[in-house]
């Protein structure tokens, strides 16, 4: 039987390693803007987390560092 492997990325670690790297990962080269929240799953955290709004470094780092997680 194979163990379930859980992989999660810590956005704060990426930000501390290289701030430009996190900005690059959030940037959509088609629209030339940040990628967007695709669902309203995080909307209870505030309007900035609603579907269609851009994901910014501030929304997923620091005190918001555990917003995106795999459960």
N, C-alpha and C. Protein backbone atom coordinates (compact mmCIF):
# COMPACT_ATOMS: atom_id res chain seq x y z
N UNK A 1 0.84 -1.18 0.00
CA UNK A 1 0.00 0.00 0.00
C UNK A 1 0.88 1.25 0.00
N UNK A 2 0.55 2.20 -0.83
CA UNK A 2 1.35 3.42 -0.95
C UNK A 2 0.87 4.46 0.05
N UNK A 3 1.82 5.10 0.73
CA UNK A 3 1.49 6.18 1.65
C UNK A 3 1.02 7.40 0.85
N UNK A 4 0.08 8.13 1.40
CA UNK A 4 -0.34 9.39 0.78
C UNK A 4 0.74 10.43 1.02
N UNK A 5 1.15 11.08 -0.02
CA UNK A 5 2.16 12.11 0.07
C UNK A 5 1.47 13.46 -0.01
N UNK A 6 1.75 14.32 0.95
CA UNK A 6 1.18 15.65 0.97
C UNK A 6 2.29 16.64 0.69
N UNK A 7 2.06 17.49 -0.28
CA UNK A 7 3.03 18.51 -0.65
C UNK A 7 2.38 19.87 -0.47
N UNK A 8 3.01 20.73 0.26
CA UNK A 8 2.49 22.08 0.45
C UNK A 8 3.67 23.04 0.30
N UNK A 9 3.41 24.18 -0.28
CA UNK A 9 4.43 25.19 -0.50
C UNK A 9 4.21 26.30 0.51
N UNK A 10 5.25 26.70 1.20
CA UNK A 10 5.16 27.79 2.15
C UNK A 10 5.53 29.08 1.43
N UNK A 11 4.53 29.92 1.22
CA UNK A 11 4.74 31.16 0.48
C UNK A 11 5.71 32.09 1.19
N UNK A 12 5.74 32.06 2.53
CA UNK A 12 6.69 32.89 3.27
C UNK A 12 8.12 32.46 2.98
N UNK A 13 8.35 31.14 2.87
CA UNK A 13 9.70 30.67 2.55
C UNK A 13 10.13 31.15 1.17
N UNK A 14 9.24 31.09 0.22
CA UNK A 14 9.55 31.58 -1.13
C UNK A 14 9.85 33.06 -1.08
N UNK A 15 9.03 33.81 -0.36
CA UNK A 15 9.19 35.26 -0.26
C UNK A 15 10.53 35.63 0.39
N UNK A 16 10.92 34.88 1.43
CA UNK A 16 12.19 35.15 2.09
C UNK A 16 13.38 34.75 1.23
N UNK A 17 13.22 33.69 0.48
CA UNK A 17 14.29 33.23 -0.40
C UNK A 17 14.55 34.25 -1.50
N UNK A 18 13.46 34.70 -2.12
CA UNK A 18 13.60 35.65 -3.23
C UNK A 18 12.24 36.29 -3.48
N UNK A 19 12.10 37.54 -3.09
CA UNK A 19 10.82 38.25 -3.23
C UNK A 19 10.37 38.30 -4.69
N UNK A 20 11.30 38.45 -5.61
CA UNK A 20 10.95 38.50 -7.03
C UNK A 20 10.38 37.16 -7.52
N UNK A 21 10.83 36.06 -6.92
CA UNK A 21 10.34 34.74 -7.32
C UNK A 21 8.85 34.61 -7.04
N UNK A 22 8.40 35.02 -5.85
CA UNK A 22 6.98 34.94 -5.54
C UNK A 22 6.17 35.83 -6.47
N UNK A 23 6.65 37.02 -6.74
CA UNK A 23 5.96 37.92 -7.68
C UNK A 23 5.87 37.28 -9.06
N UNK A 24 6.93 36.61 -9.49
CA UNK A 24 6.93 35.93 -10.79
C UNK A 24 5.91 34.80 -10.82
N UNK A 25 5.82 34.04 -9.74
CA UNK A 25 4.86 32.93 -9.68
C UNK A 25 3.41 33.41 -9.70
N UNK A 26 3.17 34.61 -9.19
CA UNK A 26 1.81 35.15 -9.15
C UNK A 26 1.43 35.90 -10.43
N UNK A 27 2.40 36.12 -11.31
CA UNK A 27 2.18 36.93 -12.51
C UNK A 27 1.67 36.09 -13.67
N UNK A 28 0.59 36.55 -14.29
CA UNK A 28 0.00 35.89 -15.45
C UNK A 28 0.56 36.57 -16.71
N UNK A 29 1.32 35.86 -17.46
CA UNK A 29 1.97 36.46 -18.63
C UNK A 29 1.00 36.75 -19.77
N UNK A 30 -0.18 36.15 -19.73
CA UNK A 30 -1.18 36.43 -20.77
C UNK A 30 -1.86 37.76 -20.53
N UNK A 31 -2.31 37.98 -19.30
CA UNK A 31 -3.03 39.22 -18.97
C UNK A 31 -2.09 40.34 -18.54
N UNK A 32 -0.84 39.97 -18.23
CA UNK A 32 0.16 40.92 -17.72
C UNK A 32 -0.22 41.47 -16.35
N UNK A 33 -1.04 40.70 -15.61
CA UNK A 33 -1.45 41.06 -14.26
C UNK A 33 -1.27 39.82 -13.38
N UNK A 34 -1.52 39.97 -12.10
CA UNK A 34 -1.44 38.82 -11.21
C UNK A 34 -2.54 37.82 -11.52
N UNK A 35 -2.26 36.55 -11.20
CA UNK A 35 -3.30 35.52 -11.34
C UNK A 35 -4.45 35.85 -10.40
N UNK A 36 -5.61 35.27 -10.67
CA UNK A 36 -6.82 35.59 -9.91
C UNK A 36 -7.25 34.43 -9.04
N UNK A 37 -7.96 34.76 -7.98
CA UNK A 37 -8.63 33.72 -7.20
C UNK A 37 -9.66 33.09 -8.11
N UNK A 38 -9.66 31.78 -8.22
CA UNK A 38 -10.55 31.09 -9.15
C UNK A 38 -11.90 30.70 -8.56
N UNK A 39 -11.99 30.71 -7.23
CA UNK A 39 -13.24 30.35 -6.57
C UNK A 39 -13.48 31.29 -5.40
N UNK A 40 -14.63 31.18 -4.79
CA UNK A 40 -14.94 31.96 -3.60
C UNK A 40 -14.62 31.19 -2.31
N UNK A 41 -13.81 30.16 -2.41
CA UNK A 41 -13.49 29.33 -1.24
C UNK A 41 -12.86 30.13 -0.09
N UNK A 42 -12.18 31.23 -0.39
CA UNK A 42 -11.50 32.02 0.63
C UNK A 42 -12.22 33.34 0.92
N UNK A 43 -13.37 33.55 0.33
CA UNK A 43 -14.07 34.83 0.44
C UNK A 43 -14.41 35.21 1.87
N UNK A 44 -14.58 34.23 2.74
CA UNK A 44 -14.88 34.56 4.14
C UNK A 44 -13.74 35.30 4.83
N UNK A 45 -12.56 35.34 4.19
CA UNK A 45 -11.42 36.09 4.72
C UNK A 45 -11.48 37.57 4.33
N UNK A 46 -12.38 37.93 3.43
CA UNK A 46 -12.53 39.32 3.00
C UNK A 46 -12.76 39.41 1.52
N UNK A 47 -13.21 40.57 1.09
CA UNK A 47 -13.53 40.78 -0.32
C UNK A 47 -12.33 40.58 -1.25
N UNK A 48 -11.13 40.86 -0.76
CA UNK A 48 -9.93 40.70 -1.59
C UNK A 48 -9.70 39.25 -2.00
N UNK A 49 -10.32 38.31 -1.26
CA UNK A 49 -10.14 36.88 -1.52
C UNK A 49 -11.25 36.30 -2.40
N UNK A 50 -12.12 37.13 -2.92
CA UNK A 50 -13.24 36.66 -3.75
C UNK A 50 -12.75 36.29 -5.15
N UNK A 51 -13.46 35.36 -5.77
CA UNK A 51 -13.13 34.92 -7.13
C UNK A 51 -13.04 36.13 -8.06
N UNK A 52 -12.03 36.12 -8.91
CA UNK A 52 -11.85 37.19 -9.88
C UNK A 52 -10.92 38.30 -9.42
N UNK A 53 -10.57 38.31 -8.13
CA UNK A 53 -9.63 39.32 -7.62
C UNK A 53 -8.21 38.79 -7.71
N UNK A 54 -7.24 39.69 -7.87
CA UNK A 54 -5.85 39.24 -8.00
C UNK A 54 -5.29 38.71 -6.68
N UNK A 55 -4.45 37.69 -6.79
CA UNK A 55 -3.73 37.17 -5.64
C UNK A 55 -2.44 37.97 -5.51
N UNK A 56 -2.26 38.63 -4.38
CA UNK A 56 -1.05 39.43 -4.15
C UNK A 56 -0.21 38.78 -3.06
N UNK A 57 1.05 39.19 -3.00
CA UNK A 57 1.94 38.65 -1.98
C UNK A 57 1.37 38.88 -0.59
N UNK A 58 0.83 40.06 -0.34
CA UNK A 58 0.29 40.41 0.97
C UNK A 58 -0.82 39.44 1.40
N UNK A 59 -1.64 38.99 0.46
CA UNK A 59 -2.77 38.13 0.79
C UNK A 59 -2.37 36.71 1.18
N UNK A 60 -1.12 36.32 0.88
CA UNK A 60 -0.72 34.93 1.13
C UNK A 60 0.58 34.80 1.92
N UNK A 61 1.09 35.90 2.48
CA UNK A 61 2.31 35.84 3.27
C UNK A 61 2.11 36.51 4.63
N UNK A 62 3.10 36.40 5.48
CA UNK A 62 3.04 37.02 6.80
C UNK A 62 1.92 36.41 7.62
N UNK A 63 1.09 37.27 8.21
CA UNK A 63 -0.02 36.76 9.03
C UNK A 63 -1.03 36.00 8.18
N UNK A 64 -0.96 36.14 6.87
CA UNK A 64 -1.84 35.41 5.94
C UNK A 64 -1.12 34.21 5.32
N UNK A 65 0.02 33.84 5.88
CA UNK A 65 0.87 32.82 5.30
C UNK A 65 0.29 31.42 5.23
N UNK A 66 -0.72 31.13 5.99
CA UNK A 66 -1.32 29.80 5.98
C UNK A 66 -2.67 29.79 5.29
N UNK A 67 -2.98 30.84 4.53
CA UNK A 67 -4.27 30.94 3.84
C UNK A 67 -4.44 29.79 2.85
N UNK A 68 -3.45 29.59 2.02
CA UNK A 68 -3.52 28.53 1.02
C UNK A 68 -2.85 27.29 1.62
N UNK A 69 -3.64 26.25 1.76
CA UNK A 69 -3.09 25.00 2.29
C UNK A 69 -3.80 23.82 1.65
N UNK A 70 -3.15 22.72 1.69
CA UNK A 70 -3.73 21.48 1.18
C UNK A 70 -4.33 20.74 2.35
N UNK A 71 -5.57 20.39 2.22
CA UNK A 71 -6.20 19.65 3.33
C UNK A 71 -6.71 18.31 2.86
